[in-house]
Amino acid sequence: MLTFLSQHGGEIVVCLVLLLIVAAIILRMVKDRRSGKGGCSCGGGCGGCPNAGACHPKTHEK
């Protein structure tokens, strides 16, 4: 077991760092979604968007 860890220690560290980065990205996306920032898939403003009512129906009522 110690031989395996000593031979692959760098790979394990790189994998853990990548896993932490992916987890941070996913957590940020969930946080943004819950706070209302991630409602649209386009990522831009709704001005002139033909699907504005589908993304944010409460904010674009006429």
Protein backbone atom coordinates (compact mmCIF):
# COMPACT_ATOMS: atom_id res chain seq x y z
CA MET A 1 0.00 0.00 0.00
CA LEU A 2 2.77 2.45 0.88
CA THR A 3 4.58 1.55 -2.32
CA PHE A 4 1.49 2.37 -4.34
CA LEU A 5 1.05 5.71 -2.58
CA SER A 6 4.69 6.64 -3.05
CA GLN A 7 4.60 5.76 -6.75
CA HIS A 8 1.29 7.51 -7.48
CA GLY A 9 1.29 10.31 -4.92
CA GLY A 10 1.47 13.08 -7.51
CA GLU A 11 -1.37 11.64 -9.56
CA ILE A 12 -3.52 11.32 -6.46
CA VAL A 13 -2.88 14.94 -5.49
CA VAL A 14 -3.69 16.18 -9.01
CA CYS A 15 -6.93 14.15 -9.06
CA LEU A 16 -7.94 15.52 -5.67
CA VAL A 17 -7.27 19.10 -6.77
CA LEU A 18 -9.33 18.59 -9.93
CA LEU A 19 -12.12 17.04 -7.89
CA LEU A 20 -12.14 20.05 -5.56
CA ILE A 21 -12.28 22.45 -8.51
CA VAL A 22 -15.22 20.60 -10.08
CA ALA A 23 -17.03 20.47 -6.73
CA ALA A 24 -16.51 24.21 -6.24
CA ILE A 25 -17.91 24.93 -9.71
CA ILE A 26 -20.98 22.76 -9.08
CA LEU A 27 -21.59 24.35 -5.67
CA ARG A 28 -21.32 27.81 -7.20
CA MET A 29 -23.83 26.88 -9.91
CA VAL A 30 -26.26 25.55 -7.29
CA LYS A 31 -25.84 28.69 -5.18
CA ASP A 32 -26.42 30.95 -8.18
CA ARG A 33 -29.47 28.92 -9.20
CA ARG A 34 -30.99 29.19 -5.72
CA SER A 35 -30.39 32.94 -5.56
CA GLY A 36 -32.08 33.47 -8.92
CA LYS A 37 -28.97 34.31 -10.93
CA GLY A 38 -28.90 31.10 -12.95
CA GLY A 39 -32.43 31.06 -14.34
CA CYS A 40 -31.55 31.52 -18.00
CA SER A 41 -29.35 29.20 -19.93
CA CYS A 42 -28.20 32.02 -22.22
CA GLY A 43 -26.43 33.90 -19.43
CA GLY A 44 -27.26 37.32 -20.82
CA GLY A 45 -29.83 39.98 -20.21
CA CYS A 46 -33.46 39.46 -21.15
CA GLY A 47 -33.86 42.65 -23.16
CA GLY A 48 -34.95 41.64 -26.66
CA CYS A 49 -35.02 37.94 -25.86
CA PRO A 50 -38.08 36.23 -27.38
CA ASN A 51 -38.10 33.65 -24.57
CA ALA A 52 -37.91 36.12 -21.67
CA GLY A 53 -41.33 35.05 -20.42
CA ALA A 54 -40.25 31.41 -20.28
CA CYS A 55 -37.12 32.12 -18.22
CA HIS A 56 -38.55 34.62 -15.73
CA PRO A 57 -42.36 34.65 -16.00
CA LYS A 58 -42.89 36.73 -12.84
CA THR A 59 -40.51 39.54 -13.83
CA HIS A 60 -41.69 39.88 -17.45
CA GLU A 61 -45.47 40.04 -17.02
CA LYS A 62 -47.22 42.63 -19.14
